[in-house]
Amino acid sequence: MASNNSGSNRTLVPGAKQGLNALKTEVASEVGLSDYETLDKGNLSSRQNGTVGGYMVKHMIETYEQGL
């Protein structure tokens, strides 16, 4: 039986989306994708998109650990 997850994608922290988009753009620039905001992500390889996401997580973990 399929579960109904309507409403599970709502924003819990106002402003978080803009912050994540800024981080995504910054990380993409660091890995050589300087025009990531306007780039069609469907034309990138899974490795390229995964690299951006992976570095975002790494950066978030490092920032959290520095705050401890």
N, C-alpha and C. Protein backbone atom coordinates (compact mmCIF):
# COMPACT_ATOMS: atom_id res chain seq x y z
N MET A 1 0.84 -1.18 0.00
CA MET A 1 0.00 0.00 0.00
C MET A 1 0.88 1.24 0.00
N ALA A 2 0.61 2.16 -0.86
CA ALA A 2 1.39 3.39 -0.95
C ALA A 2 0.96 4.37 0.13
N SER A 3 1.93 5.04 0.71
CA SER A 3 1.62 6.02 1.74
C SER A 3 1.41 7.38 1.09
N ASN A 4 0.60 8.19 1.74
CA ASN A 4 0.34 9.54 1.24
C ASN A 4 1.22 10.51 2.00
N ASN A 5 2.22 11.07 1.34
CA ASN A 5 3.16 11.98 1.98
C ASN A 5 2.88 13.43 1.62
N SER A 6 1.64 13.77 1.38
CA SER A 6 1.34 15.15 1.01
C SER A 6 1.69 16.07 2.16
N GLY A 7 2.35 17.16 1.84
CA GLY A 7 2.75 18.12 2.85
C GLY A 7 4.11 17.84 3.46
N SER A 8 4.77 16.78 3.05
CA SER A 8 6.07 16.45 3.65
C SER A 8 7.19 17.31 3.10
N ASN A 9 6.96 18.04 2.02
CA ASN A 9 8.00 18.87 1.42
C ASN A 9 7.83 20.34 1.76
N ARG A 10 7.18 20.62 2.86
CA ARG A 10 6.99 22.02 3.22
C ARG A 10 8.24 22.57 3.90
N THR A 11 8.42 23.87 3.78
CA THR A 11 9.59 24.53 4.35
C THR A 11 9.41 24.67 5.86
N LEU A 12 10.35 24.15 6.63
CA LEU A 12 10.28 24.23 8.08
C LEU A 12 11.03 25.44 8.61
N VAL A 13 12.08 25.85 7.92
CA VAL A 13 12.89 26.98 8.36
C VAL A 13 12.84 28.06 7.28
N PRO A 14 12.19 29.18 7.58
CA PRO A 14 12.14 30.26 6.58
C PRO A 14 13.55 30.72 6.22
N GLY A 15 13.79 30.91 4.96
CA GLY A 15 15.10 31.35 4.50
C GLY A 15 16.09 30.23 4.24
N ALA A 16 15.74 29.01 4.62
CA ALA A 16 16.67 27.89 4.43
C ALA A 16 16.91 27.60 2.95
N LYS A 17 15.88 27.73 2.15
CA LYS A 17 16.01 27.43 0.73
C LYS A 17 17.01 28.37 0.07
N GLN A 18 16.93 29.66 0.40
CA GLN A 18 17.87 30.62 -0.18
C GLN A 18 19.30 30.32 0.27
N GLY A 19 19.46 29.95 1.54
CA GLY A 19 20.78 29.62 2.05
C GLY A 19 21.36 28.39 1.38
N LEU A 20 20.54 27.37 1.18
CA LEU A 20 21.01 26.16 0.51
C LEU A 20 21.35 26.43 -0.96
N ASN A 21 20.55 27.26 -1.60
CA ASN A 21 20.86 27.61 -3.00
C ASN A 21 22.17 28.39 -3.10
N ALA A 22 22.42 29.27 -2.14
CA ALA A 22 23.68 30.02 -2.13
C ALA A 22 24.85 29.07 -1.91
N LEU A 23 24.69 28.12 -0.98
CA LEU A 23 25.74 27.13 -0.72
C LEU A 23 25.97 26.27 -1.96
N LYS A 24 24.90 25.89 -2.62
CA LYS A 24 25.01 25.06 -3.83
C LYS A 24 25.80 25.79 -4.91
N THR A 25 25.51 27.07 -5.10
CA THR A 25 26.21 27.87 -6.10
C THR A 25 27.68 28.01 -5.74
N GLU A 26 27.96 28.24 -4.46
CA GLU A 26 29.35 28.38 -3.99
C GLU A 26 30.14 27.09 -4.21
N VAL A 27 29.55 25.97 -3.83
CA VAL A 27 30.22 24.68 -3.97
C VAL A 27 30.43 24.34 -5.45
N ALA A 28 29.42 24.58 -6.26
CA ALA A 28 29.54 24.30 -7.70
C ALA A 28 30.67 25.11 -8.31
N SER A 29 30.82 26.35 -7.88
CA SER A 29 31.90 27.18 -8.38
C SER A 29 33.25 26.61 -7.97
N GLU A 30 33.33 26.10 -6.75
CA GLU A 30 34.59 25.51 -6.25
C GLU A 30 35.00 24.28 -7.05
N VAL A 31 34.02 23.52 -7.56
CA VAL A 31 34.35 22.30 -8.31
C VAL A 31 34.37 22.53 -9.81
N GLY A 32 34.31 23.82 -10.23
CA GLY A 32 34.49 24.14 -11.63
C GLY A 32 33.22 24.32 -12.45
N LEU A 33 32.08 24.43 -11.79
CA LEU A 33 30.82 24.66 -12.49
C LEU A 33 30.34 26.06 -12.17
N SER A 34 31.02 27.06 -12.72
CA SER A 34 30.79 28.45 -12.34
C SER A 34 29.40 28.97 -12.72
N ASP A 35 28.78 28.44 -13.75
CA ASP A 35 27.46 28.91 -14.18
C ASP A 35 26.35 27.94 -13.74
N TYR A 36 26.50 27.33 -12.59
CA TYR A 36 25.59 26.28 -12.11
C TYR A 36 24.15 26.77 -11.97
N GLU A 37 23.95 28.03 -11.58
CA GLU A 37 22.59 28.56 -11.39
C GLU A 37 21.78 28.52 -12.68
N THR A 38 22.39 28.86 -13.79
CA THR A 38 21.67 28.93 -15.05
C THR A 38 21.82 27.67 -15.89
N LEU A 39 22.66 26.76 -15.46
CA LEU A 39 22.95 25.54 -16.20
C LEU A 39 21.77 24.56 -16.12
N ASP A 40 21.48 23.87 -17.20
CA ASP A 40 20.46 22.82 -17.21
C ASP A 40 21.06 21.59 -16.53
N LYS A 41 20.62 21.32 -15.31
CA LYS A 41 21.20 20.22 -14.52
C LYS A 41 21.00 18.86 -15.18
N GLY A 42 20.01 18.76 -16.06
CA GLY A 42 19.76 17.52 -16.78
C GLY A 42 20.86 17.18 -17.77
N ASN A 43 21.65 18.17 -18.15
CA ASN A 43 22.76 17.94 -19.08
C ASN A 43 24.05 17.57 -18.36
N LEU A 44 24.04 17.60 -17.04
CA LEU A 44 25.23 17.21 -16.27
C LEU A 44 25.18 15.73 -15.98
N SER A 45 26.34 15.16 -15.77
CA SER A 45 26.39 13.74 -15.42
C SER A 45 25.98 13.56 -13.96
N SER A 46 25.63 12.35 -13.60
CA SER A 46 25.30 12.04 -12.21
C SER A 46 26.49 12.34 -11.31
N ARG A 47 27.67 12.09 -11.80
CA ARG A 47 28.88 12.34 -11.02
C ARG A 47 29.02 13.83 -10.71
N GLN A 48 28.77 14.69 -11.71
CA GLN A 48 28.89 16.13 -11.49
C GLN A 48 27.85 16.62 -10.47
N ASN A 49 26.59 16.22 -10.65
CA ASN A 49 25.55 16.62 -9.72
C ASN A 49 25.80 16.04 -8.33
N GLY A 50 26.26 14.81 -8.28
CA GLY A 50 26.56 14.17 -6.99
C GLY A 50 27.72 14.82 -6.28
N THR A 51 28.70 15.29 -7.04
CA THR A 51 29.84 15.98 -6.44
C THR A 51 29.39 17.24 -5.74
N VAL A 52 28.51 17.99 -6.38
CA VAL A 52 28.00 19.23 -5.78
C VAL A 52 27.26 18.89 -4.48
N GLY A 53 26.36 17.93 -4.53
CA GLY A 53 25.61 17.53 -3.34
C GLY A 53 26.51 16.99 -2.24
N GLY A 54 27.48 16.19 -2.60
CA GLY A 54 28.39 15.62 -1.62
C GLY A 54 29.22 16.67 -0.91
N TYR A 55 29.73 17.63 -1.68
CA TYR A 55 30.50 18.71 -1.07
C TYR A 55 29.63 19.62 -0.21
N MET A 56 28.35 19.76 -0.59
CA MET A 56 27.44 20.55 0.24
C MET A 56 27.28 19.89 1.61
N VAL A 57 27.08 18.59 1.62
CA VAL A 57 26.92 17.86 2.89
C VAL A 57 28.20 17.95 3.71
N LYS A 58 29.33 17.76 3.05
CA LYS A 58 30.62 17.86 3.74
C LYS A 58 30.79 19.22 4.39
N HIS A 59 30.45 20.28 3.66
CA HIS A 59 30.56 21.64 4.17
C HIS A 59 29.62 21.85 5.36
N MET A 60 28.39 21.35 5.26
CA MET A 60 27.42 21.51 6.35
C MET A 60 27.88 20.78 7.61
N ILE A 61 28.45 19.59 7.45
CA ILE A 61 28.95 18.83 8.59
C ILE A 61 30.12 19.56 9.24
N GLU A 62 31.05 20.06 8.44
CA GLU A 62 32.20 20.80 8.97
C GLU A 62 31.75 22.04 9.73
N THR A 63 30.78 22.75 9.18
CA THR A 63 30.27 23.96 9.84
C THR A 63 29.60 23.59 11.15
N TYR A 64 28.84 22.51 11.18
CA TYR A 64 28.20 22.07 12.42
C TYR A 64 29.24 21.68 13.47
N GLU A 65 30.26 20.92 13.06
CA GLU A 65 31.28 20.47 14.00
C GLU A 65 32.06 21.64 14.57
N GLN A 66 32.28 22.69 13.79
CA GLN A 66 32.99 23.87 14.29
C GLN A 66 32.17 24.60 15.34
N GLY A 67 30.85 24.46 15.26
CA GLY A 67 29.97 25.10 16.22
C GLY A 67 29.83 24.36 17.53
N LEU A 68 30.34 23.15 17.59
CA LEU A 68 30.21 22.36 18.83
C LEU A 68 31.17 22.81 19.90
